[in-house]
């Protein structure tokens, strides 16, 4: 049974930081490209960051470049998203996604609220 479990969300003030984690089980994690998405209320889900299976390459949405960092630990089957200088408009549910060939799995999401 495949499970992706996000954690680390919560309430943070504008300008603050959070580190999200996504722990995978039931898959050979080191094969999978990993992605972080977010979905704000009333908006479509958008891709925030992605990382290759080995962690050798990363890619970011323009809106988060220089502030967010995606990383992974294949020994722990976990991908991370370090988010700095958060903005109110980045309030959303953040999801991780695992992709390999035709297979794709989503986590249940973790709420991030940026508010003073």
N, C-alpha and C. Protein backbone atom coordinates (compact mmCIF):
# COMPACT_ATOMS: atom_id res chain seq x y z
N UNK A 1 0.86 -1.19 0.00
CA UNK A 1 0.00 0.00 0.00
C UNK A 1 0.89 1.24 0.00
N UNK A 2 0.66 2.10 -0.98
CA UNK A 2 1.47 3.30 -1.11
C UNK A 2 0.90 4.39 -0.21
N UNK A 3 1.79 5.04 0.50
CA UNK A 3 1.38 6.18 1.33
C UNK A 3 2.40 7.30 1.19
N UNK A 4 1.90 8.50 1.01
CA UNK A 4 2.71 9.72 1.09
C UNK A 4 2.08 10.57 2.19
N UNK A 5 2.84 10.86 3.21
CA UNK A 5 2.31 11.58 4.35
C UNK A 5 3.07 12.88 4.55
N UNK A 6 2.37 13.98 4.31
CA UNK A 6 2.98 15.30 4.51
C UNK A 6 2.84 15.73 5.96
N UNK A 7 3.79 16.52 6.40
CA UNK A 7 3.74 17.10 7.74
C UNK A 7 4.53 18.40 7.74
N UNK A 8 4.37 19.16 8.82
CA UNK A 8 5.15 20.38 8.96
C UNK A 8 4.39 21.65 8.67
N UNK A 9 3.15 21.51 8.22
CA UNK A 9 2.36 22.71 7.97
C UNK A 9 1.93 23.36 9.26
N UNK A 10 1.31 24.54 9.13
CA UNK A 10 0.85 25.25 10.31
C UNK A 10 0.65 26.71 10.03
N UNK A 11 0.55 27.47 11.11
CA UNK A 11 0.35 28.92 11.02
C UNK A 11 1.70 29.61 11.20
N UNK A 12 2.01 30.52 10.30
CA UNK A 12 3.27 31.26 10.37
C UNK A 12 3.00 32.70 9.97
N UNK A 13 3.74 33.61 10.54
CA UNK A 13 3.58 35.02 10.19
C UNK A 13 4.25 35.31 8.85
N UNK A 14 3.78 36.34 8.18
CA UNK A 14 4.48 36.75 6.94
C UNK A 14 5.95 37.01 7.20
N UNK A 15 6.78 36.52 6.28
CA UNK A 15 8.22 36.61 6.45
C UNK A 15 8.83 35.44 7.18
N UNK A 16 7.99 34.58 7.72
CA UNK A 16 8.47 33.44 8.47
C UNK A 16 8.83 32.25 7.60
N UNK A 17 9.21 31.17 8.27
CA UNK A 17 9.66 29.97 7.58
C UNK A 17 8.94 28.73 8.09
N UNK A 18 8.84 27.77 7.21
CA UNK A 18 8.34 26.44 7.56
C UNK A 18 9.11 25.42 6.76
N UNK A 19 9.22 24.23 7.31
CA UNK A 19 9.81 23.11 6.58
C UNK A 19 8.79 21.99 6.51
N UNK A 20 8.38 21.67 5.30
CA UNK A 20 7.45 20.58 5.08
C UNK A 20 8.22 19.29 4.82
N UNK A 21 7.63 18.19 5.24
CA UNK A 21 8.20 16.87 4.97
C UNK A 21 7.14 16.00 4.31
N UNK A 22 7.57 15.09 3.50
CA UNK A 22 6.67 14.11 2.87
C UNK A 22 7.37 12.76 2.97
N UNK A 23 6.82 11.90 3.80
CA UNK A 23 7.40 10.57 4.01
C UNK A 23 6.65 9.55 3.16
N UNK A 24 7.41 8.79 2.40
CA UNK A 24 6.82 7.81 1.49
C UNK A 24 7.02 6.40 2.01
N UNK A 25 6.03 5.57 1.73
CA UNK A 25 6.14 4.14 2.02
C UNK A 25 5.40 3.37 0.94
N UNK A 26 5.80 2.11 0.74
CA UNK A 26 5.14 1.29 -0.26
C UNK A 26 5.65 1.47 -1.67
N UNK A 27 6.66 2.31 -1.84
CA UNK A 27 7.28 2.51 -3.16
C UNK A 27 8.80 2.45 -3.02
N UNK A 28 9.46 2.21 -4.13
CA UNK A 28 10.92 2.32 -4.16
C UNK A 28 11.24 3.79 -4.37
N UNK A 29 11.35 4.48 -3.27
CA UNK A 29 11.39 5.94 -3.27
C UNK A 29 12.48 6.49 -4.18
N UNK A 30 13.62 5.84 -4.21
CA UNK A 30 14.76 6.36 -4.95
C UNK A 30 14.56 6.35 -6.47
N UNK A 31 13.50 5.73 -6.94
CA UNK A 31 13.19 5.74 -8.37
C UNK A 31 12.35 6.93 -8.78
N UNK A 32 11.69 7.53 -7.82
CA UNK A 32 10.63 8.50 -8.10
C UNK A 32 11.12 9.94 -8.11
N UNK A 33 10.69 10.67 -9.16
CA UNK A 33 10.77 12.11 -9.12
C UNK A 33 9.72 12.57 -8.11
N UNK A 34 10.06 13.60 -7.35
CA UNK A 34 9.14 14.11 -6.34
C UNK A 34 8.80 15.57 -6.63
N UNK A 35 7.56 15.89 -6.40
CA UNK A 35 7.09 17.26 -6.65
C UNK A 35 6.27 17.76 -5.47
N UNK A 36 6.36 19.04 -5.24
CA UNK A 36 5.48 19.74 -4.29
C UNK A 36 4.54 20.64 -5.09
N UNK A 37 3.26 20.55 -4.75
CA UNK A 37 2.24 21.41 -5.32
C UNK A 37 1.57 22.17 -4.18
N UNK A 38 0.82 23.16 -4.54
CA UNK A 38 -0.04 23.85 -3.56
C UNK A 38 -1.34 24.25 -4.24
N UNK A 39 -2.38 24.35 -3.41
CA UNK A 39 -3.69 24.77 -3.89
C UNK A 39 -4.30 25.71 -2.88
N UNK A 40 -4.46 26.94 -3.31
CA UNK A 40 -5.09 27.95 -2.48
C UNK A 40 -6.60 27.89 -2.68
N UNK A 41 -7.36 28.39 -1.73
CA UNK A 41 -8.83 28.37 -1.86
C UNK A 41 -9.28 29.04 -3.14
N UNK A 42 -10.11 28.35 -3.91
CA UNK A 42 -10.65 28.93 -5.12
C UNK A 42 -9.70 28.97 -6.30
N UNK A 43 -8.52 28.38 -6.13
CA UNK A 43 -7.52 28.41 -7.21
C UNK A 43 -7.15 26.99 -7.63
N UNK A 44 -6.54 26.90 -8.79
CA UNK A 44 -6.08 25.60 -9.27
C UNK A 44 -4.80 25.19 -8.55
N UNK A 45 -4.59 23.89 -8.52
CA UNK A 45 -3.36 23.38 -7.93
C UNK A 45 -2.18 23.77 -8.83
N UNK A 46 -1.10 24.23 -8.20
CA UNK A 46 0.05 24.66 -8.99
C UNK A 46 1.32 23.96 -8.52
N UNK A 47 2.21 23.73 -9.46
CA UNK A 47 3.49 23.12 -9.15
C UNK A 47 4.41 24.15 -8.51
N UNK A 48 4.99 23.77 -7.39
CA UNK A 48 5.88 24.67 -6.66
C UNK A 48 7.34 24.32 -6.90
N UNK A 49 7.65 23.02 -6.77
CA UNK A 49 9.05 22.60 -6.91
C UNK A 49 9.10 21.12 -7.23
N UNK A 50 10.19 20.72 -7.86
CA UNK A 50 10.39 19.31 -8.15
C UNK A 50 11.86 18.94 -8.02
N UNK A 51 12.09 17.65 -7.82
CA UNK A 51 13.45 17.15 -7.65
C UNK A 51 13.55 15.79 -8.31
N UNK A 52 14.66 15.55 -8.98
CA UNK A 52 14.85 14.27 -9.64
C UNK A 52 15.05 13.15 -8.62
N UNK A 53 15.04 11.93 -9.11
CA UNK A 53 15.10 10.77 -8.22
C UNK A 53 16.38 10.74 -7.38
N UNK A 54 17.48 11.20 -7.98
CA UNK A 54 18.75 11.20 -7.25
C UNK A 54 18.99 12.50 -6.48
N UNK A 55 18.16 13.47 -6.74
CA UNK A 55 18.36 14.78 -6.11
C UNK A 55 19.34 15.67 -6.83
N UNK A 56 19.76 15.23 -8.01
CA UNK A 56 20.79 15.99 -8.72
C UNK A 56 20.27 17.25 -9.38
N UNK A 57 18.98 17.29 -9.64
CA UNK A 57 18.41 18.47 -10.29
C UNK A 57 17.12 18.88 -9.60
N UNK A 58 16.94 20.18 -9.52
CA UNK A 58 15.73 20.74 -8.94
C UNK A 58 15.17 21.81 -9.87
N UNK A 59 13.89 22.07 -9.70
CA UNK A 59 13.23 23.11 -10.50
C UNK A 59 12.18 23.77 -9.63
N UNK A 60 12.00 25.09 -9.86
CA UNK A 60 11.07 25.85 -9.02
C UNK A 60 10.16 26.73 -9.87
N UNK A 61 8.98 26.98 -9.33
CA UNK A 61 8.13 28.00 -9.90
C UNK A 61 8.82 29.35 -9.72
N UNK A 62 8.62 30.23 -10.68
CA UNK A 62 9.27 31.54 -10.60
C UNK A 62 8.93 32.27 -9.31
N UNK A 63 7.71 32.07 -8.85
CA UNK A 63 7.23 32.81 -7.68
C UNK A 63 7.95 32.42 -6.38
N UNK A 64 8.63 31.26 -6.37
CA UNK A 64 9.27 30.81 -5.13
C UNK A 64 10.79 30.72 -5.24
N UNK A 65 11.32 30.98 -6.42
CA UNK A 65 12.77 30.89 -6.60
C UNK A 65 13.51 31.80 -5.63
N UNK A 66 14.54 31.25 -5.02
CA UNK A 66 15.33 32.02 -4.06
C UNK A 66 14.79 31.99 -2.65
N UNK A 67 13.57 31.50 -2.48
CA UNK A 67 12.97 31.45 -1.14
C UNK A 67 12.68 30.03 -0.68
N UNK A 68 12.35 29.15 -1.61
CA UNK A 68 12.01 27.76 -1.29
C UNK A 68 13.15 26.84 -1.75
N UNK A 69 13.35 25.77 -1.00
CA UNK A 69 14.35 24.77 -1.37
C UNK A 69 13.76 23.38 -1.21
N UNK A 70 13.80 22.62 -2.28
CA UNK A 70 13.36 21.23 -2.23
C UNK A 70 14.60 20.35 -2.07
N UNK A 71 14.47 19.33 -1.25
CA UNK A 71 15.57 18.38 -1.05
C UNK A 71 14.97 17.02 -0.73
N UNK A 72 15.81 16.02 -0.73
CA UNK A 72 15.32 14.67 -0.42
C UNK A 72 16.41 13.87 0.28
N UNK A 73 15.95 12.89 1.04
CA UNK A 73 16.84 11.94 1.70
C UNK A 73 16.33 10.55 1.31
N UNK A 74 16.97 9.93 0.36
CA UNK A 74 16.50 8.63 -0.11
C UNK A 74 16.67 7.54 0.93
N UNK A 75 17.56 7.73 1.87
CA UNK A 75 17.72 6.75 2.94
C UNK A 75 16.54 6.79 3.90
N UNK A 76 15.88 7.95 3.96
CA UNK A 76 14.72 8.11 4.85
C UNK A 76 13.40 8.13 4.08
N UNK A 77 13.47 7.95 2.77
CA UNK A 77 12.25 7.96 1.94
C UNK A 77 11.44 9.24 2.15
N UNK A 78 12.13 10.34 2.21
CA UNK A 78 11.47 11.60 2.56
C UNK A 78 11.95 12.73 1.64
N UNK A 79 10.99 13.57 1.26
CA UNK A 79 11.30 14.79 0.52
C UNK A 79 10.88 15.97 1.38
N UNK A 80 11.62 17.05 1.25
CA UNK A 80 11.40 18.23 2.08
C UNK A 80 11.15 19.46 1.22
N UNK A 81 10.48 20.43 1.82
CA UNK A 81 10.34 21.73 1.19
C UNK A 81 10.59 22.78 2.27
N UNK A 82 11.73 23.42 2.18
CA UNK A 82 12.05 24.52 3.08
C UNK A 82 11.50 25.80 2.48
N UNK A 83 10.65 26.47 3.23
CA UNK A 83 9.99 27.67 2.73
C UNK A 83 10.37 28.85 3.62
N UNK A 84 11.01 29.83 3.02
CA UNK A 84 11.43 31.02 3.74
C UNK A 84 10.71 32.26 3.19
N UNK A 85 10.71 33.31 3.96
CA UNK A 85 10.09 34.58 3.54
C UNK A 85 8.69 34.36 3.01
N UNK A 86 7.90 33.65 3.76
CA UNK A 86 6.55 33.31 3.30
C UNK A 86 5.66 34.54 3.22
N UNK A 87 4.75 34.48 2.26
CA UNK A 87 3.83 35.58 2.00
C UNK A 87 2.41 35.12 2.28
N UNK A 88 1.55 36.07 2.58
CA UNK A 88 0.16 35.74 2.90
C UNK A 88 -0.52 35.00 1.75
N UNK A 89 -0.17 35.38 0.53
CA UNK A 89 -0.81 34.75 -0.62
C UNK A 89 -0.34 33.32 -0.86
N UNK A 90 0.61 32.85 -0.05
CA UNK A 90 1.06 31.47 -0.17
C UNK A 90 0.31 30.53 0.79
N UNK A 91 -0.69 31.08 1.42
CA UNK A 91 -1.59 30.25 2.19
C UNK A 91 -2.27 29.25 1.26
N UNK A 92 -2.13 27.98 1.59
CA UNK A 92 -2.64 26.93 0.70
C UNK A 92 -2.47 25.58 1.38
N UNK A 93 -3.07 24.59 0.75
CA UNK A 93 -2.76 23.21 1.11
C UNK A 93 -1.61 22.77 0.21
N UNK A 94 -0.57 22.23 0.83
CA UNK A 94 0.61 21.80 0.11
C UNK A 94 0.61 20.27 0.00
N UNK A 95 0.82 19.79 -1.21
CA UNK A 95 0.77 18.36 -1.50
C UNK A 95 2.12 17.89 -2.07
N UNK A 96 2.50 16.69 -1.75
CA UNK A 96 3.62 16.08 -2.45
C UNK A 96 3.09 15.03 -3.42
N UNK A 97 3.87 14.80 -4.44
CA UNK A 97 3.50 13.85 -5.48
C UNK A 97 4.75 13.07 -5.88
N UNK A 98 4.58 11.76 -6.03
CA UNK A 98 5.65 10.88 -6.48
C UNK A 98 5.33 10.40 -7.89
N UNK A 99 6.32 10.46 -8.78
CA UNK A 99 6.10 10.06 -10.17
C UNK A 99 7.25 9.17 -10.65
N UNK A 100 6.86 8.08 -11.33
CA UNK A 100 7.84 7.20 -11.97
C UNK A 100 7.15 6.50 -13.11
N UNK A 101 7.64 6.71 -14.30
CA UNK A 101 7.03 6.17 -15.51
C UNK A 101 5.55 6.53 -15.51
N UNK A 102 4.66 5.58 -15.58
CA UNK A 102 3.23 5.88 -15.64
C UNK A 102 2.58 5.93 -14.26
N UNK A 103 3.37 5.75 -13.23
CA UNK A 103 2.84 5.73 -11.87
C UNK A 103 2.92 7.11 -11.22
N UNK A 104 1.89 7.45 -10.50
CA UNK A 104 1.86 8.72 -9.78
C UNK A 104 1.02 8.58 -8.53
N UNK A 105 1.53 9.13 -7.43
CA UNK A 105 0.83 9.05 -6.14
C UNK A 105 0.86 10.42 -5.47
N UNK A 106 -0.25 10.71 -4.79
CA UNK A 106 -0.38 11.99 -4.08
C UNK A 106 -0.47 11.76 -2.58
N UNK A 107 0.01 12.72 -1.84
CA UNK A 107 -0.25 12.75 -0.42
C UNK A 107 -1.58 13.43 -0.15
N UNK A 108 -1.94 13.48 1.13
CA UNK A 108 -3.25 14.04 1.51
C UNK A 108 -3.20 15.55 1.70
N UNK A 109 -2.00 16.09 1.76
CA UNK A 109 -1.83 17.54 1.89
C UNK A 109 -1.63 18.00 3.33
N UNK A 110 -0.99 19.13 3.45
CA UNK A 110 -0.81 19.77 4.75
C UNK A 110 -1.10 21.26 4.60
N UNK A 111 -1.84 21.80 5.54
CA UNK A 111 -2.26 23.20 5.44
C UNK A 111 -1.15 24.14 5.90
N UNK A 112 -0.88 25.13 5.09
CA UNK A 112 0.04 26.21 5.46
C UNK A 112 -0.75 27.51 5.44
N UNK A 113 -0.75 28.19 6.57
CA UNK A 113 -1.46 29.46 6.68
C UNK A 113 -0.46 30.54 7.06
N UNK A 114 -0.37 31.55 6.21
CA UNK A 114 0.55 32.66 6.44
C UNK A 114 -0.29 33.88 6.81
N UNK A 115 -0.23 34.25 8.06
CA UNK A 115 -1.08 35.33 8.54
C UNK A 115 -0.50 35.93 9.80
N UNK A 116 -0.75 37.23 9.96
CA UNK A 116 -0.32 37.89 11.19
C UNK A 116 -1.46 37.91 12.21
